[in-house]
Amino acid sequence: MSQSKLSRRLTQAFGILLGVVIAVYVLRGLGILTFIPGGLIVLLLLGAIALGILGYLQKKLWRF
């Protein structure tokens, strides 16, 4: 069963945003990006989780 274009976009956005969150978190831990507040990293992580949930719901329930 093939994925719809919207589901594919949501999955890609989830992966990219999660990758950015992990990279920023690691770089902040190493002291390179110390100016980024922890709250921003949490918001990025919550955004990635929300995209993942929307992608799952669109794929399994909404079918468009």
N, C-alpha and C. Protein backbone atom coordinates (compact mmCIF):
# COMPACT_ATOMS: atom_id res chain seq x y z
N MET A 1 0.85 -1.16 0.00
CA MET A 1 0.00 0.00 0.00
C MET A 1 0.91 1.24 0.00
N SER A 2 0.67 2.13 -0.96
CA SER A 2 1.52 3.31 -1.06
C SER A 2 1.03 4.42 -0.14
N GLN A 3 1.97 5.26 0.28
CA GLN A 3 1.64 6.38 1.16
C GLN A 3 1.15 7.55 0.32
N SER A 4 0.27 8.33 0.89
CA SER A 4 -0.16 9.54 0.22
C SER A 4 0.95 10.58 0.31
N LYS A 5 0.82 11.61 -0.50
CA LYS A 5 1.84 12.65 -0.53
C LYS A 5 1.92 13.37 0.82
N LEU A 6 0.78 13.63 1.46
CA LEU A 6 0.78 14.31 2.75
C LEU A 6 1.44 13.45 3.82
N SER A 7 1.15 12.17 3.82
CA SER A 7 1.76 11.27 4.81
C SER A 7 3.27 11.22 4.63
N ARG A 8 3.72 11.18 3.40
CA ARG A 8 5.15 11.15 3.13
C ARG A 8 5.81 12.45 3.59
N ARG A 9 5.16 13.58 3.35
CA ARG A 9 5.71 14.88 3.78
C ARG A 9 5.79 14.96 5.30
N LEU A 10 4.75 14.50 5.99
CA LEU A 10 4.75 14.53 7.44
C LEU A 10 5.86 13.64 8.01
N THR A 11 6.05 12.48 7.40
CA THR A 11 7.10 11.57 7.86
C THR A 11 8.48 12.19 7.62
N GLN A 12 8.67 12.82 6.47
CA GLN A 12 9.95 13.47 6.19
C GLN A 12 10.19 14.63 7.15
N ALA A 13 9.16 15.44 7.39
CA ALA A 13 9.30 16.58 8.30
C ALA A 13 9.62 16.09 9.72
N PHE A 14 8.99 15.00 10.14
CA PHE A 14 9.27 14.41 11.45
C PHE A 14 10.73 14.01 11.56
N GLY A 15 11.23 13.31 10.56
CA GLY A 15 12.62 12.85 10.58
C GLY A 15 13.62 14.00 10.57
N ILE A 16 13.34 15.01 9.76
CA ILE A 16 14.24 16.15 9.69
C ILE A 16 14.25 16.91 11.01
N LEU A 17 13.06 17.18 11.55
CA LEU A 17 12.98 17.93 12.79
C LEU A 17 13.61 17.16 13.95
N LEU A 18 13.39 15.87 13.99
CA LEU A 18 14.01 15.05 15.04
C LEU A 18 15.53 15.05 14.91
N GLY A 19 16.02 14.99 13.68
CA GLY A 19 17.46 15.07 13.45
C GLY A 19 18.05 16.40 13.90
N VAL A 20 17.33 17.48 13.62
CA VAL A 20 17.79 18.81 14.04
C VAL A 20 17.82 18.90 15.56
N VAL A 21 16.78 18.38 16.21
CA VAL A 21 16.73 18.42 17.68
C VAL A 21 17.90 17.66 18.28
N ILE A 22 18.19 16.48 17.76
CA ILE A 22 19.29 15.68 18.29
C ILE A 22 20.62 16.39 18.06
N ALA A 23 20.81 16.95 16.86
CA ALA A 23 22.06 17.66 16.55
C ALA A 23 22.24 18.87 17.46
N VAL A 24 21.19 19.66 17.65
CA VAL A 24 21.28 20.85 18.51
C VAL A 24 21.56 20.44 19.96
N TYR A 25 20.91 19.39 20.41
CA TYR A 25 21.10 18.91 21.78
C TYR A 25 22.55 18.47 22.01
N VAL A 26 23.09 17.73 21.06
CA VAL A 26 24.47 17.25 21.19
C VAL A 26 25.45 18.43 21.13
N LEU A 27 25.25 19.34 20.18
CA LEU A 27 26.14 20.49 20.06
C LEU A 27 26.05 21.40 21.27
N ARG A 28 24.87 21.52 21.84
CA ARG A 28 24.73 22.32 23.07
C ARG A 28 25.45 21.63 24.23
N GLY A 29 25.38 20.34 24.30
CA GLY A 29 26.08 19.60 25.34
C GLY A 29 27.59 19.70 25.22
N LEU A 30 28.09 19.80 23.99
CA LEU A 30 29.52 19.95 23.77
C LEU A 30 30.00 21.38 23.99
N GLY A 31 29.08 22.31 24.18
CA GLY A 31 29.45 23.69 24.44
C GLY A 31 29.56 24.55 23.21
N ILE A 32 29.16 24.04 22.06
CA ILE A 32 29.27 24.81 20.82
C ILE A 32 28.07 25.74 20.65
N LEU A 33 26.89 25.27 20.96
CA LEU A 33 25.67 26.08 20.84
C LEU A 33 25.10 26.39 22.22
N THR A 34 25.87 27.04 23.03
CA THR A 34 25.43 27.31 24.40
C THR A 34 24.40 28.42 24.49
N PHE A 35 24.24 29.22 23.43
CA PHE A 35 23.31 30.34 23.47
C PHE A 35 21.86 29.92 23.24
N ILE A 36 21.62 28.67 22.85
CA ILE A 36 20.26 28.20 22.60
C ILE A 36 19.67 27.73 23.93
N PRO A 37 18.53 28.31 24.34
CA PRO A 37 17.93 27.91 25.62
C PRO A 37 17.32 26.50 25.55
N GLY A 38 17.29 25.86 26.69
CA GLY A 38 16.74 24.51 26.77
C GLY A 38 15.27 24.44 26.40
N GLY A 39 14.54 25.53 26.69
CA GLY A 39 13.12 25.57 26.35
C GLY A 39 12.88 25.47 24.86
N LEU A 40 13.77 26.05 24.06
CA LEU A 40 13.64 25.98 22.61
C LEU A 40 13.84 24.55 22.12
N ILE A 41 14.78 23.85 22.74
CA ILE A 41 15.02 22.45 22.37
C ILE A 41 13.80 21.60 22.71
N VAL A 42 13.18 21.87 23.85
CA VAL A 42 11.97 21.14 24.24
C VAL A 42 10.83 21.43 23.26
N LEU A 43 10.69 22.69 22.83
CA LEU A 43 9.65 23.02 21.85
C LEU A 43 9.89 22.32 20.52
N LEU A 44 11.14 22.27 20.09
CA LEU A 44 11.46 21.54 18.86
C LEU A 44 11.13 20.06 18.99
N LEU A 45 11.44 19.48 20.14
CA LEU A 45 11.14 18.07 20.37
C LEU A 45 9.63 17.82 20.38
N LEU A 46 8.89 18.71 21.04
CA LEU A 46 7.42 18.57 21.04
C LEU A 46 6.85 18.71 19.64
N GLY A 47 7.42 19.61 18.83
CA GLY A 47 6.99 19.74 17.44
C GLY A 47 7.24 18.48 16.65
N ALA A 48 8.38 17.85 16.87
CA ALA A 48 8.69 16.59 16.18
C ALA A 48 7.73 15.49 16.60
N ILE A 49 7.41 15.44 17.88
CA ILE A 49 6.46 14.43 18.37
C ILE A 49 5.08 14.67 17.77
N ALA A 50 4.66 15.94 17.70
CA ALA A 50 3.35 16.27 17.12
C ALA A 50 3.30 15.88 15.64
N LEU A 51 4.38 16.14 14.90
CA LEU A 51 4.41 15.74 13.49
C LEU A 51 4.36 14.22 13.34
N GLY A 52 5.04 13.52 14.22
CA GLY A 52 4.99 12.06 14.18
C GLY A 52 3.60 11.52 14.44
N ILE A 53 2.91 12.09 15.41
CA ILE A 53 1.54 11.66 15.72
C ILE A 53 0.61 11.98 14.56
N LEU A 54 0.73 13.19 13.99
CA LEU A 54 -0.11 13.56 12.85
C LEU A 54 0.15 12.65 11.65
N GLY A 55 1.41 12.33 11.41
CA GLY A 55 1.74 11.42 10.32
C GLY A 55 1.14 10.04 10.52
N TYR A 56 1.21 9.55 11.74
CA TYR A 56 0.63 8.24 12.04
C TYR A 56 -0.89 8.25 11.86
N LEU A 57 -1.54 9.28 12.42
CA LEU A 57 -3.00 9.37 12.30
C LEU A 57 -3.43 9.51 10.85
N GLN A 58 -2.71 10.31 10.09
CA GLN A 58 -3.07 10.49 8.68
C GLN A 58 -2.89 9.20 7.92
N LYS A 59 -1.87 8.45 8.24
CA LYS A 59 -1.60 7.20 7.55
C LYS A 59 -2.60 6.11 7.90
N LYS A 60 -2.98 6.05 9.19
CA LYS A 60 -3.83 4.94 9.64
C LYS A 60 -5.33 5.27 9.64
N LEU A 61 -5.70 6.51 9.90
CA LEU A 61 -7.11 6.81 10.11
C LEU A 61 -7.76 7.65 9.01
N TRP A 62 -7.06 8.70 8.58
CA TRP A 62 -7.72 9.67 7.71
C TRP A 62 -7.73 9.25 6.25
N ARG A 63 -6.74 8.56 5.77
CA ARG A 63 -6.68 8.00 4.43
C ARG A 63 -6.81 9.01 3.28
N PHE A 64 -6.24 10.19 3.42
CA PHE A 64 -6.23 11.11 2.29
C PHE A 64 -4.94 11.88 2.24
